[in-house]
Every structure is written in structure tokens, then in C-alpha cells.
Amino acid sequence: MVIVVPYDPDWAVRYEELRHEYAVALHAAGVQVRCIEHVGSTAVPGQAAKPVIDIDIVVNAQDVEAASAVLEHLGFIPLGELGIPERWAFQQPERLGETHTYIVVDGSLALRNHLAVRDALRADPRLRDEYSAAKRVSAAIAADIDEYGRGKNTTVQATLLAAGLSEADRDLIAGNQVPPIRS
């Protein structure tokens, strides 16, 4: 069962608390961080969402291993790329509550996807409301998280189109093609 709830302004506060904890730990370890981004639906004022804070810790490719080590030290369990190149997922420690924290390579399609969706939804209330409605409908009928994702895919693709992502990038995001191997 997937739960989608109305926007909660406390999500922005929670993001700031998490961002601060991550930034302090990464800085103490000497990890070069490009930025720490609040992404996903909880980052969009007015957007209905699963009550999970999504965070991208953006680093250069050579800093992924060091950033991962810091998250492990904070109690995260590494899950790998999970089929999304240049984006490493982690299971959060219980003390941090519901969050999806990722280490993402600067400039990667994974990052461009997250930022494009967030920024397009922030900029267009009509698109945001359509996406909220699609999320609610999909959550109401989906048997699991995968079905939920498929149920809102048409709206996600429309959002990516509105954000200016190319057809090739949208196809990769939708899983219609095998991503190219990057050297």
C-alpha cells in the first residue's frame, strides 16, 4: 500500500535538518560536495507526496566512494545504483526517519531528472496539481510501489517534457532503453 498525503510545510524543515547533518559530516571528512538538494515531491510546495524526504548529495565522480563512506558512518546501508547509473541509494538508519538519500554524480541524468521534475512542478501550479492528482489515483489502486510508479509515469513524462528534457533522456528515465555505458 502506498500512502500519499497533502503537502506538509514541515517537510522543508526536516530537509534542512538532514541537509545540515549530512553537510557537517561530509565537511568533517573532507569530502568535496557540489550541493545537497531537496528533490522529489516533498520539495514542491503544494504537492501531494509520500511523506518521505528525498535528498541528493551531489558530488563529482571521484568523490562518490568518500561520500558513501560518510553515509555508512552515519548508519546508512549502501544499496548500490539499483539500475540508475551514477545514483547510489542508501537505506536510512531508523533514527533519521523516512528519507531516501542518494549520492548522485554532478551532471548525471539521474540528477537532471530529479531537478527537472522538482523545478517544473514548482514553476507550474497546473502541472503540480495534475501530478498530485495522478499520485493520489495511482496510490489508491496500486498494489505496491512499482505499480504506483507505473501508474503515474504518463504524468512524470509530461513533466519531463515540460521541463525540456530530450526524448532520448525521457526514454532512458522511463526505462525504454538500456542506458549507455559511460567511461
N, C-alpha and C. Protein backbone atom coordinates (compact mmCIF):
# COMPACT_ATOMS: atom_id res chain seq x y z
N MET A 1 0.85 -1.18 0.00
CA MET A 1 0.00 0.00 0.00
C MET A 1 0.89 1.24 0.00
N VAL A 2 0.55 2.19 -0.85
CA VAL A 2 1.29 3.43 -0.96
C VAL A 2 0.42 4.55 -0.38
N ILE A 3 1.02 5.36 0.50
CA ILE A 3 0.31 6.46 1.14
C ILE A 3 0.78 7.77 0.53
N VAL A 4 -0.16 8.56 0.02
CA VAL A 4 0.11 9.91 -0.49
C VAL A 4 -0.72 10.87 0.34
N VAL A 5 -0.06 11.90 0.86
CA VAL A 5 -0.71 12.85 1.76
C VAL A 5 -0.57 14.27 1.21
N PRO A 6 -1.40 15.20 1.69
CA PRO A 6 -1.26 16.60 1.27
C PRO A 6 0.10 17.16 1.70
N TYR A 7 0.50 18.22 1.01
CA TYR A 7 1.77 18.88 1.32
C TYR A 7 1.84 19.27 2.79
N ASP A 8 3.02 19.10 3.37
CA ASP A 8 3.27 19.47 4.77
C ASP A 8 4.48 20.41 4.81
N PRO A 9 4.32 21.66 5.25
CA PRO A 9 5.45 22.60 5.30
C PRO A 9 6.59 22.12 6.20
N ASP A 10 6.32 21.20 7.10
CA ASP A 10 7.38 20.66 7.95
C ASP A 10 8.40 19.85 7.15
N TRP A 11 8.03 19.43 5.93
CA TRP A 11 8.98 18.69 5.10
C TRP A 11 10.22 19.54 4.80
N ALA A 12 10.02 20.83 4.54
CA ALA A 12 11.16 21.71 4.26
C ALA A 12 12.04 21.86 5.49
N VAL A 13 11.44 21.90 6.66
CA VAL A 13 12.19 21.99 7.91
C VAL A 13 13.00 20.71 8.11
N ARG A 14 12.36 19.57 7.88
CA ARG A 14 13.05 18.28 8.05
C ARG A 14 14.22 18.16 7.08
N TYR A 15 14.00 18.59 5.83
CA TYR A 15 15.09 18.59 4.86
C TYR A 15 16.28 19.40 5.38
N GLU A 16 16.03 20.58 5.89
CA GLU A 16 17.11 21.43 6.39
C GLU A 16 17.88 20.76 7.52
N GLU A 17 17.17 20.06 8.40
CA GLU A 17 17.84 19.33 9.49
C GLU A 17 18.74 18.24 8.93
N LEU A 18 18.23 17.48 7.97
CA LEU A 18 19.02 16.42 7.36
C LEU A 18 20.20 16.98 6.58
N ARG A 19 19.93 18.03 5.79
CA ARG A 19 20.99 18.66 5.00
C ARG A 19 22.13 19.11 5.91
N HIS A 20 21.78 19.71 7.04
CA HIS A 20 22.80 20.18 7.98
C HIS A 20 23.62 19.01 8.51
N GLU A 21 22.95 17.95 8.95
CA GLU A 21 23.68 16.79 9.48
C GLU A 21 24.61 16.21 8.42
N TYR A 22 24.13 16.05 7.21
CA TYR A 22 24.96 15.50 6.14
C TYR A 22 26.13 16.43 5.82
N ALA A 23 25.86 17.72 5.71
CA ALA A 23 26.90 18.68 5.35
C ALA A 23 28.02 18.71 6.39
N VAL A 24 27.64 18.70 7.66
CA VAL A 24 28.64 18.71 8.73
C VAL A 24 29.52 17.46 8.65
N ALA A 25 28.89 16.30 8.50
CA ALA A 25 29.65 15.04 8.45
C ALA A 25 30.54 14.97 7.22
N LEU A 26 30.03 15.38 6.07
CA LEU A 26 30.82 15.35 4.84
C LEU A 26 31.99 16.32 4.91
N HIS A 27 31.73 17.51 5.44
CA HIS A 27 32.80 18.51 5.59
C HIS A 27 33.88 18.00 6.54
N ALA A 28 33.48 17.41 7.67
CA ALA A 28 34.44 16.90 8.66
C ALA A 28 35.33 15.82 8.05
N ALA A 29 34.78 15.06 7.09
CA ALA A 29 35.56 14.00 6.44
C ALA A 29 36.35 14.52 5.23
N GLY A 30 36.20 15.79 4.94
CA GLY A 30 36.94 16.37 3.81
C GLY A 30 36.38 16.03 2.44
N VAL A 31 35.12 15.63 2.39
CA VAL A 31 34.50 15.27 1.12
C VAL A 31 34.05 16.54 0.40
N GLN A 32 34.43 16.65 -0.86
CA GLN A 32 34.02 17.78 -1.68
C GLN A 32 32.59 17.55 -2.16
N VAL A 33 31.66 18.38 -1.74
CA VAL A 33 30.26 18.26 -2.12
C VAL A 33 29.91 19.45 -3.00
N ARG A 34 29.28 19.17 -4.12
CA ARG A 34 28.84 20.24 -5.02
C ARG A 34 27.62 20.96 -4.42
N CYS A 35 26.66 20.17 -3.93
CA CYS A 35 25.48 20.72 -3.27
C CYS A 35 24.69 19.56 -2.66
N ILE A 36 23.74 19.91 -1.84
CA ILE A 36 22.80 18.93 -1.27
C ILE A 36 21.42 19.45 -1.62
N GLU A 37 20.68 18.68 -2.42
CA GLU A 37 19.41 19.13 -2.98
C GLU A 37 18.22 18.39 -2.37
N HIS A 38 17.17 19.13 -2.06
CA HIS A 38 15.88 18.55 -1.67
C HIS A 38 15.14 18.31 -2.98
N VAL A 39 14.88 17.05 -3.29
CA VAL A 39 14.22 16.69 -4.54
C VAL A 39 12.97 15.87 -4.22
N GLY A 40 12.26 15.47 -5.25
CA GLY A 40 11.05 14.69 -5.03
C GLY A 40 9.88 15.60 -4.66
N SER A 41 8.75 14.99 -4.48
CA SER A 41 7.52 15.75 -4.27
C SER A 41 7.49 16.54 -2.98
N THR A 42 8.20 16.09 -1.94
CA THR A 42 8.21 16.86 -0.69
C THR A 42 8.94 18.19 -0.84
N ALA A 43 9.66 18.36 -1.95
CA ALA A 43 10.39 19.60 -2.21
C ALA A 43 9.56 20.63 -2.96
N VAL A 44 8.31 20.28 -3.27
CA VAL A 44 7.45 21.15 -4.07
C VAL A 44 6.29 21.65 -3.22
N PRO A 45 6.31 22.93 -2.82
CA PRO A 45 5.19 23.45 -2.04
C PRO A 45 3.85 23.21 -2.73
N GLY A 46 2.90 22.66 -1.97
CA GLY A 46 1.57 22.38 -2.50
C GLY A 46 1.41 21.01 -3.13
N GLN A 47 2.50 20.26 -3.27
CA GLN A 47 2.47 18.96 -3.94
C GLN A 47 2.10 17.84 -2.97
N ALA A 48 1.11 17.03 -3.32
CA ALA A 48 0.83 15.81 -2.55
C ALA A 48 2.01 14.87 -2.72
N ALA A 49 2.31 14.09 -1.67
CA ALA A 49 3.52 13.25 -1.73
C ALA A 49 3.44 12.09 -0.75
N LYS A 50 4.27 11.09 -1.02
CA LYS A 50 4.55 10.12 0.02
C LYS A 50 5.36 10.90 1.06
N PRO A 51 5.12 10.72 2.35
CA PRO A 51 5.82 11.52 3.36
C PRO A 51 7.25 11.04 3.60
N VAL A 52 8.05 11.11 2.54
CA VAL A 52 9.45 10.68 2.57
C VAL A 52 10.29 11.80 1.97
N ILE A 53 11.29 12.25 2.70
CA ILE A 53 12.16 13.33 2.21
C ILE A 53 13.22 12.72 1.29
N ASP A 54 13.26 13.19 0.04
CA ASP A 54 14.26 12.75 -0.94
C ASP A 54 15.37 13.78 -1.00
N ILE A 55 16.61 13.28 -0.86
CA ILE A 55 17.77 14.17 -0.85
C ILE A 55 18.85 13.62 -1.77
N ASP A 56 19.38 14.49 -2.63
CA ASP A 56 20.52 14.16 -3.47
C ASP A 56 21.75 14.87 -2.92
N ILE A 57 22.75 14.09 -2.57
CA ILE A 57 24.06 14.65 -2.22
C ILE A 57 24.87 14.60 -3.50
N VAL A 58 25.15 15.76 -4.06
CA VAL A 58 25.75 15.86 -5.38
C VAL A 58 27.26 16.01 -5.24
N VAL A 59 27.99 15.10 -5.87
CA VAL A 59 29.45 15.10 -5.81
C VAL A 59 30.01 14.85 -7.21
N ASN A 60 31.30 15.11 -7.37
CA ASN A 60 31.99 14.72 -8.59
C ASN A 60 32.23 13.21 -8.52
N ALA A 61 32.39 12.58 -9.67
CA ALA A 61 32.52 11.12 -9.74
C ALA A 61 33.62 10.60 -8.82
N GLN A 62 34.73 11.30 -8.72
CA GLN A 62 35.85 10.82 -7.91
C GLN A 62 35.57 10.87 -6.40
N ASP A 63 34.48 11.54 -6.00
CA ASP A 63 34.17 11.68 -4.58
C ASP A 63 33.04 10.75 -4.10
N VAL A 64 32.53 9.91 -4.98
CA VAL A 64 31.42 9.02 -4.63
C VAL A 64 31.80 8.09 -3.49
N GLU A 65 32.95 7.45 -3.59
CA GLU A 65 33.36 6.48 -2.58
C GLU A 65 33.52 7.14 -1.21
N ALA A 66 34.13 8.31 -1.16
CA ALA A 66 34.33 9.00 0.12
C ALA A 66 32.98 9.45 0.71
N ALA A 67 32.10 9.95 -0.14
CA ALA A 67 30.78 10.37 0.34
C ALA A 67 29.99 9.16 0.85
N SER A 68 30.10 8.04 0.16
CA SER A 68 29.42 6.81 0.61
C SER A 68 29.93 6.37 1.96
N ALA A 69 31.22 6.47 2.17
CA ALA A 69 31.81 6.07 3.46
C ALA A 69 31.25 6.94 4.59
N VAL A 70 31.05 8.21 4.33
CA VAL A 70 30.48 9.10 5.35
C VAL A 70 29.05 8.68 5.70
N LEU A 71 28.25 8.39 4.67
CA LEU A 71 26.88 7.95 4.95
C LEU A 71 26.87 6.63 5.73
N GLU A 72 27.76 5.73 5.38
CA GLU A 72 27.84 4.47 6.12
C GLU A 72 28.20 4.74 7.59
N HIS A 73 29.11 5.69 7.81
CA HIS A 73 29.49 6.06 9.18
C HIS A 73 28.29 6.63 9.95
N LEU A 74 27.37 7.29 9.24
CA LEU A 74 26.16 7.83 9.86
C LEU A 74 25.10 6.75 10.10
N GLY A 75 25.37 5.53 9.63
CA GLY A 75 24.45 4.42 9.85
C GLY A 75 23.65 3.98 8.64
N PHE A 76 23.90 4.59 7.49
CA PHE A 76 23.21 4.19 6.26
C PHE A 76 23.76 2.86 5.76
N ILE A 77 22.92 2.11 5.10
CA ILE A 77 23.33 0.86 4.47
C ILE A 77 23.32 1.08 2.96
N PRO A 78 24.46 0.86 2.28
CA PRO A 78 24.50 1.09 0.84
C PRO A 78 23.68 0.04 0.09
N LEU A 79 22.93 0.51 -0.91
CA LEU A 79 22.10 -0.37 -1.72
C LEU A 79 22.57 -0.44 -3.17
N GLY A 80 23.55 0.38 -3.54
CA GLY A 80 24.05 0.40 -4.91
C GLY A 80 23.24 1.32 -5.81
N GLU A 81 23.47 1.18 -7.10
CA GLU A 81 22.80 2.06 -8.08
C GLU A 81 21.35 1.67 -8.33
N LEU A 82 20.98 0.46 -8.05
CA LEU A 82 19.60 -0.02 -8.25
C LEU A 82 19.10 0.27 -9.67
N GLY A 83 19.98 0.08 -10.63
CA GLY A 83 19.60 0.24 -12.04
C GLY A 83 19.63 1.65 -12.56
N ILE A 84 20.01 2.62 -11.74
CA ILE A 84 20.06 4.01 -12.19
C ILE A 84 21.52 4.47 -12.15
N PRO A 85 22.15 4.58 -13.32
CA PRO A 85 23.57 4.93 -13.36
C PRO A 85 23.88 6.26 -12.67
N GLU A 86 24.97 6.27 -11.96
CA GLU A 86 25.53 7.45 -11.30
C GLU A 86 24.63 7.99 -10.19
N ARG A 87 23.81 7.11 -9.61
CA ARG A 87 22.99 7.45 -8.45
C ARG A 87 23.02 6.26 -7.49
N TRP A 88 23.58 6.47 -6.30
CA TRP A 88 23.71 5.41 -5.32
C TRP A 88 22.69 5.63 -4.21
N ALA A 89 21.91 4.59 -3.94
CA ALA A 89 20.86 4.66 -2.93
C ALA A 89 21.36 4.08 -1.61
N PHE A 90 20.72 4.50 -0.52
CA PHE A 90 21.08 4.05 0.82
C PHE A 90 19.81 3.83 1.64
N GLN A 91 19.82 2.79 2.45
CA GLN A 91 18.76 2.61 3.42
C GLN A 91 19.11 3.43 4.64
N GLN A 92 18.19 4.27 5.07
CA GLN A 92 18.45 5.19 6.16
C GLN A 92 18.45 4.45 7.50
N PRO A 93 19.23 4.96 8.45
CA PRO A 93 19.13 4.41 9.81
C PRO A 93 17.78 4.82 10.41
N GLU A 94 17.25 4.02 11.27
CA GLU A 94 15.93 4.28 11.86
C GLU A 94 15.85 5.66 12.51
N ARG A 95 16.95 6.12 13.10
CA ARG A 95 16.94 7.40 13.82
C ARG A 95 16.66 8.59 12.91
N LEU A 96 16.84 8.42 11.59
CA LEU A 96 16.61 9.54 10.67
C LEU A 96 15.22 9.54 10.07
N GLY A 97 14.39 8.57 10.41
CA GLY A 97 13.03 8.55 9.89
C GLY A 97 12.97 8.25 8.41
N GLU A 98 11.88 8.67 7.80
CA GLU A 98 11.64 8.36 6.40
C GLU A 98 12.39 9.33 5.48
N THR A 99 13.41 8.80 4.83
CA THR A 99 14.16 9.58 3.85
C THR A 99 14.70 8.64 2.79
N HIS A 100 14.82 9.15 1.59
CA HIS A 100 15.56 8.49 0.53
C HIS A 100 16.75 9.39 0.26
N THR A 101 17.91 8.93 0.66
CA THR A 101 19.12 9.73 0.48
C THR A 101 19.97 9.06 -0.59
N TYR A 102 20.41 9.87 -1.54
CA TYR A 102 21.20 9.37 -2.67
C TYR A 102 22.49 10.16 -2.78
N ILE A 103 23.52 9.49 -3.26
CA ILE A 103 24.72 10.18 -3.72
C ILE A 103 24.62 10.15 -5.24
N VAL A 104 24.71 11.35 -5.84
CA VAL A 104 24.48 11.49 -7.27
C VAL A 104 25.66 12.26 -7.88
N VAL A 105 26.10 11.77 -9.03
CA VAL A 105 27.21 12.43 -9.73
C VAL A 105 26.69 13.71 -10.40
N ASP A 106 27.42 14.79 -10.19
CA ASP A 106 27.08 16.08 -10.78
C ASP A 106 26.96 15.94 -12.30
N GLY A 107 25.88 16.47 -12.85
CA GLY A 107 25.65 16.43 -14.29
C GLY A 107 25.00 15.16 -14.80
N SER A 108 24.80 14.18 -13.96
CA SER A 108 24.24 12.89 -14.40
C SER A 108 22.77 13.05 -14.78
N LEU A 109 22.28 12.10 -15.57
CA LEU A 109 20.87 12.10 -15.94
C LEU A 109 20.00 11.95 -14.70
N ALA A 110 20.43 11.16 -13.74
CA ALA A 110 19.65 10.99 -12.50
C ALA A 110 19.43 12.34 -11.82
N LEU A 111 20.47 13.14 -11.73
CA LEU A 111 20.35 14.46 -11.10
C LEU A 111 19.49 15.38 -11.96
N ARG A 112 19.74 15.40 -13.26
CA ARG A 112 18.96 16.27 -14.14
C ARG A 112 17.48 15.91 -14.07
N ASN A 113 17.17 14.63 -13.98
CA ASN A 113 15.79 14.17 -13.84
C ASN A 113 15.18 14.73 -12.55
N HIS A 114 15.85 14.52 -11.42
CA HIS A 114 15.32 14.99 -10.13
C HIS A 114 15.09 16.49 -10.13
N LEU A 115 16.07 17.24 -10.61
CA LEU A 115 15.95 18.70 -10.60
C LEU A 115 14.90 19.20 -11.59
N ALA A 116 14.82 18.55 -12.76
CA ALA A 116 13.86 18.97 -13.77
C ALA A 116 12.43 18.79 -13.28
N VAL A 117 12.14 17.64 -12.68
CA VAL A 117 10.78 17.41 -12.17
C VAL A 117 10.47 18.40 -11.06
N ARG A 118 11.37 18.54 -10.10
CA ARG A 118 11.13 19.46 -8.99
C ARG A 118 10.89 20.88 -9.50
N ASP A 119 11.78 21.34 -10.35
CA ASP A 119 11.70 22.73 -10.80
C ASP A 119 10.49 22.99 -11.69
N ALA A 120 10.12 22.03 -12.54
CA ALA A 120 8.94 22.20 -13.39
C ALA A 120 7.67 22.26 -12.53
N LEU A 121 7.59 21.41 -11.51
CA LEU A 121 6.41 21.40 -10.65
C LEU A 121 6.34 22.65 -9.79
N ARG A 122 7.49 23.15 -9.36
CA ARG A 122 7.49 24.41 -8.60
C ARG A 122 7.03 25.58 -9.46
N ALA A 123 7.37 25.55 -10.74
CA ALA A 123 7.10 26.68 -11.63
C ALA A 123 5.69 26.69 -12.20
N ASP A 124 5.00 25.54 -12.20
CA ASP A 124 3.72 25.45 -12.89
C ASP A 124 2.66 24.82 -11.97
N PRO A 125 1.84 25.64 -11.31
CA PRO A 125 0.82 25.09 -10.41
C PRO A 125 -0.15 24.11 -11.08
N ARG A 126 -0.48 24.34 -12.34
CA ARG A 126 -1.38 23.43 -13.06
C ARG A 126 -0.72 22.05 -13.19
N LEU A 127 0.53 22.02 -13.58
CA LEU A 127 1.26 20.77 -13.72
C LEU A 127 1.41 20.08 -12.35
N ARG A 128 1.70 20.88 -11.33
CA ARG A 128 1.82 20.35 -9.96
C ARG A 128 0.51 19.69 -9.53
N ASP A 129 -0.60 20.36 -9.79
CA ASP A 129 -1.90 19.81 -9.38
C ASP A 129 -2.25 18.55 -10.16
N GLU A 130 -1.90 18.52 -11.45
CA GLU A 130 -2.12 17.30 -12.25
C GLU A 130 -1.29 16.14 -11.70
N TYR A 131 -0.06 16.44 -11.33
CA TYR A 131 0.82 15.41 -10.79
C TYR A 131 0.29 14.93 -9.44
N SER A 132 -0.18 15.84 -8.60
CA SER A 132 -0.78 15.46 -7.31
C SER A 132 -1.96 14.51 -7.53
N ALA A 133 -2.81 14.84 -8.49
CA ALA A 133 -3.98 14.01 -8.77
C ALA A 133 -3.55 12.63 -9.27
N ALA A 134 -2.56 12.59 -10.15
CA ALA A 134 -2.07 11.30 -10.66
C ALA A 134 -1.48 10.45 -9.53
N LYS A 135 -0.77 11.09 -8.61
CA LYS A 135 -0.19 10.37 -7.47
C LYS A 135 -1.30 9.79 -6.58
N ARG A 136 -2.33 10.57 -6.32
CA ARG A 136 -3.43 10.09 -5.47
C ARG A 136 -4.16 8.92 -6.11
N VAL A 137 -4.45 9.03 -7.40
CA VAL A 137 -5.16 7.96 -8.10
C VAL A 137 -4.29 6.70 -8.12
N SER A 138 -3.03 6.85 -8.48
CA SER A 138 -2.14 5.69 -8.55
C SER A 138 -1.98 5.04 -7.18
N ALA A 139 -1.83 5.83 -6.14
CA ALA A 139 -1.68 5.28 -4.79
C ALA A 139 -2.93 4.52 -4.35
N ALA A 140 -4.09 5.01 -4.76
CA ALA A 140 -5.35 4.37 -4.35
C ALA A 140 -5.55 3.00 -4.97
N ILE A 141 -4.96 2.76 -6.15
CA ILE A 141 -5.20 1.49 -6.84
C ILE A 141 -3.98 0.59 -6.92
N ALA A 142 -2.81 1.11 -6.59
CA ALA A 142 -1.57 0.33 -6.73
C ALA A 142 -1.43 -0.71 -5.63
N ALA A 143 -0.99 -1.89 -6.03
CA ALA A 143 -0.75 -2.96 -5.07
C ALA A 143 0.61 -2.80 -4.38
N ASP A 144 1.55 -2.10 -5.05
CA ASP A 144 2.89 -1.93 -4.49
C ASP A 144 3.54 -0.70 -5.10
N ILE A 145 4.75 -0.41 -4.65
CA ILE A 145 5.44 0.81 -5.09
C ILE A 145 5.76 0.79 -6.59
N ASP A 146 6.04 -0.39 -7.14
CA ASP A 146 6.34 -0.47 -8.57
C ASP A 146 5.11 -0.14 -9.41
N GLU A 147 3.96 -0.67 -9.01
CA GLU A 147 2.72 -0.37 -9.72
C GLU A 147 2.36 1.11 -9.57
N TYR A 148 2.62 1.66 -8.40
CA TYR A 148 2.40 3.09 -8.16
C TYR A 148 3.23 3.92 -9.14
N GLY A 149 4.50 3.57 -9.30
CA GLY A 149 5.37 4.29 -10.23
C GLY A 149 4.88 4.21 -11.66
N ARG A 150 4.47 3.02 -12.07
CA ARG A 150 3.94 2.86 -13.43
C ARG A 150 2.66 3.67 -13.61
N GLY A 151 1.85 3.74 -12.58
CA GLY A 151 0.58 4.45 -12.67
C GLY A 151 0.71 5.95 -12.88
N LYS A 152 1.81 6.51 -12.44
CA LYS A 152 1.99 7.96 -12.59
C LYS A 152 3.01 8.30 -13.68
N ASN A 153 3.48 7.30 -14.41
CA ASN A 153 4.54 7.51 -15.40
C ASN A 153 4.14 8.48 -16.51
N THR A 154 2.90 8.43 -16.99
CA THR A 154 2.48 9.34 -18.06
C THR A 154 2.62 10.79 -17.60
N THR A 155 2.23 11.07 -16.36
CA THR A 155 2.33 12.43 -15.84
C THR A 155 3.79 12.81 -15.60
N VAL A 156 4.60 11.87 -15.15
CA VAL A 156 6.04 12.14 -14.99
C VAL A 156 6.65 12.50 -16.34
N GLN A 157 6.30 11.74 -17.38
CA GLN A 157 6.84 12.02 -18.71
C GLN A 157 6.40 13.39 -19.21
N ALA A 158 5.15 13.76 -18.96
CA ALA A 158 4.67 15.09 -19.35
C ALA A 158 5.44 16.18 -18.61
N THR A 159 5.76 15.92 -17.35
CA THR A 159 6.52 16.88 -16.55
C THR A 159 7.93 17.02 -17.10
N LEU A 160 8.55 15.91 -17.46
CA LEU A 160 9.90 15.95 -18.02
C LEU A 160 9.91 16.66 -19.37
N LEU A 161 8.88 16.46 -20.17
CA LEU A 161 8.76 17.16 -21.44
C LEU A 161 8.64 18.66 -21.19
N ALA A 162 7.77 19.04 -20.25
CA ALA A 162 7.60 20.46 -19.92
C ALA A 162 8.89 21.06 -19.39
N ALA A 163 9.71 20.24 -18.74
CA ALA A 163 10.98 20.72 -18.19
C ALA A 163 12.08 20.82 -19.25
N GLY A 164 11.80 20.32 -20.45
CA GLY A 164 12.76 20.46 -21.53
C GLY A 164 13.73 19.31 -21.70
N LEU A 165 13.51 18.17 -21.03
CA LEU A 165 14.41 17.04 -21.23
C LEU A 165 14.16 16.44 -22.61
N SER A 166 15.22 15.98 -23.23
CA SER A 166 15.12 15.43 -24.58
C SER A 166 14.35 14.12 -24.59
N GLU A 167 13.89 13.74 -25.76
CA GLU A 167 13.17 12.47 -25.90
C GLU A 167 14.07 11.31 -25.50
N ALA A 168 15.34 11.37 -25.87
CA ALA A 168 16.28 10.30 -25.51
C ALA A 168 16.41 10.19 -23.99
N ASP A 169 16.54 11.32 -23.31
CA ASP A 169 16.63 11.30 -21.85
C ASP A 169 15.34 10.80 -21.23
N ARG A 170 14.20 11.23 -21.75
CA ARG A 170 12.91 10.77 -21.22
C ARG A 170 12.75 9.27 -21.40
N ASP A 171 13.21 8.75 -22.55
CA ASP A 171 13.14 7.30 -22.79
C ASP A 171 14.02 6.55 -21.79
N LEU A 172 15.21 7.07 -21.53
CA LEU A 172 16.09 6.43 -20.55
C LEU A 172 15.45 6.44 -19.16
N ILE A 173 14.87 7.55 -18.79
CA ILE A 173 14.24 7.67 -17.48
C ILE A 173 13.06 6.69 -17.38
N ALA A 174 12.31 6.56 -18.44
CA ALA A 174 11.15 5.65 -18.45
C ALA A 174 11.58 4.19 -18.49
N GLY A 175 12.87 3.95 -18.74
CA GLY A 175 13.34 2.57 -18.80
C GLY A 175 13.09 1.92 -20.14
N ASN A 176 12.86 2.74 -21.17
CA ASN A 176 12.58 2.20 -22.50
C ASN A 176 13.83 1.76 -23.23
N GLN A 177 14.99 2.18 -22.76
CA GLN A 177 16.23 1.83 -23.42
C GLN A 177 17.27 1.49 -22.37
N VAL A 178 18.26 0.74 -22.77
CA VAL A 178 19.38 0.44 -21.88
C VAL A 178 20.28 1.67 -21.84
N PRO A 179 20.60 2.19 -20.66
CA PRO A 179 21.47 3.37 -20.59
C PRO A 179 22.84 3.08 -21.19
N PRO A 180 23.46 4.05 -21.82
CA PRO A 180 24.80 3.85 -22.36
C PRO A 180 25.81 3.69 -21.22
N ILE A 181 26.86 2.94 -21.49
CA ILE A 181 27.93 2.81 -20.51
C ILE A 181 28.80 4.04 -20.64
N ARG A 182 29.01 4.72 -19.51
CA ARG A 182 29.81 5.94 -19.51
C ARG A 182 31.20 5.63 -19.00
N SER A 183 32.19 6.13 -19.70
CA SER A 183 33.56 5.88 -19.24
C SER A 183 34.10 7.00 -18.42
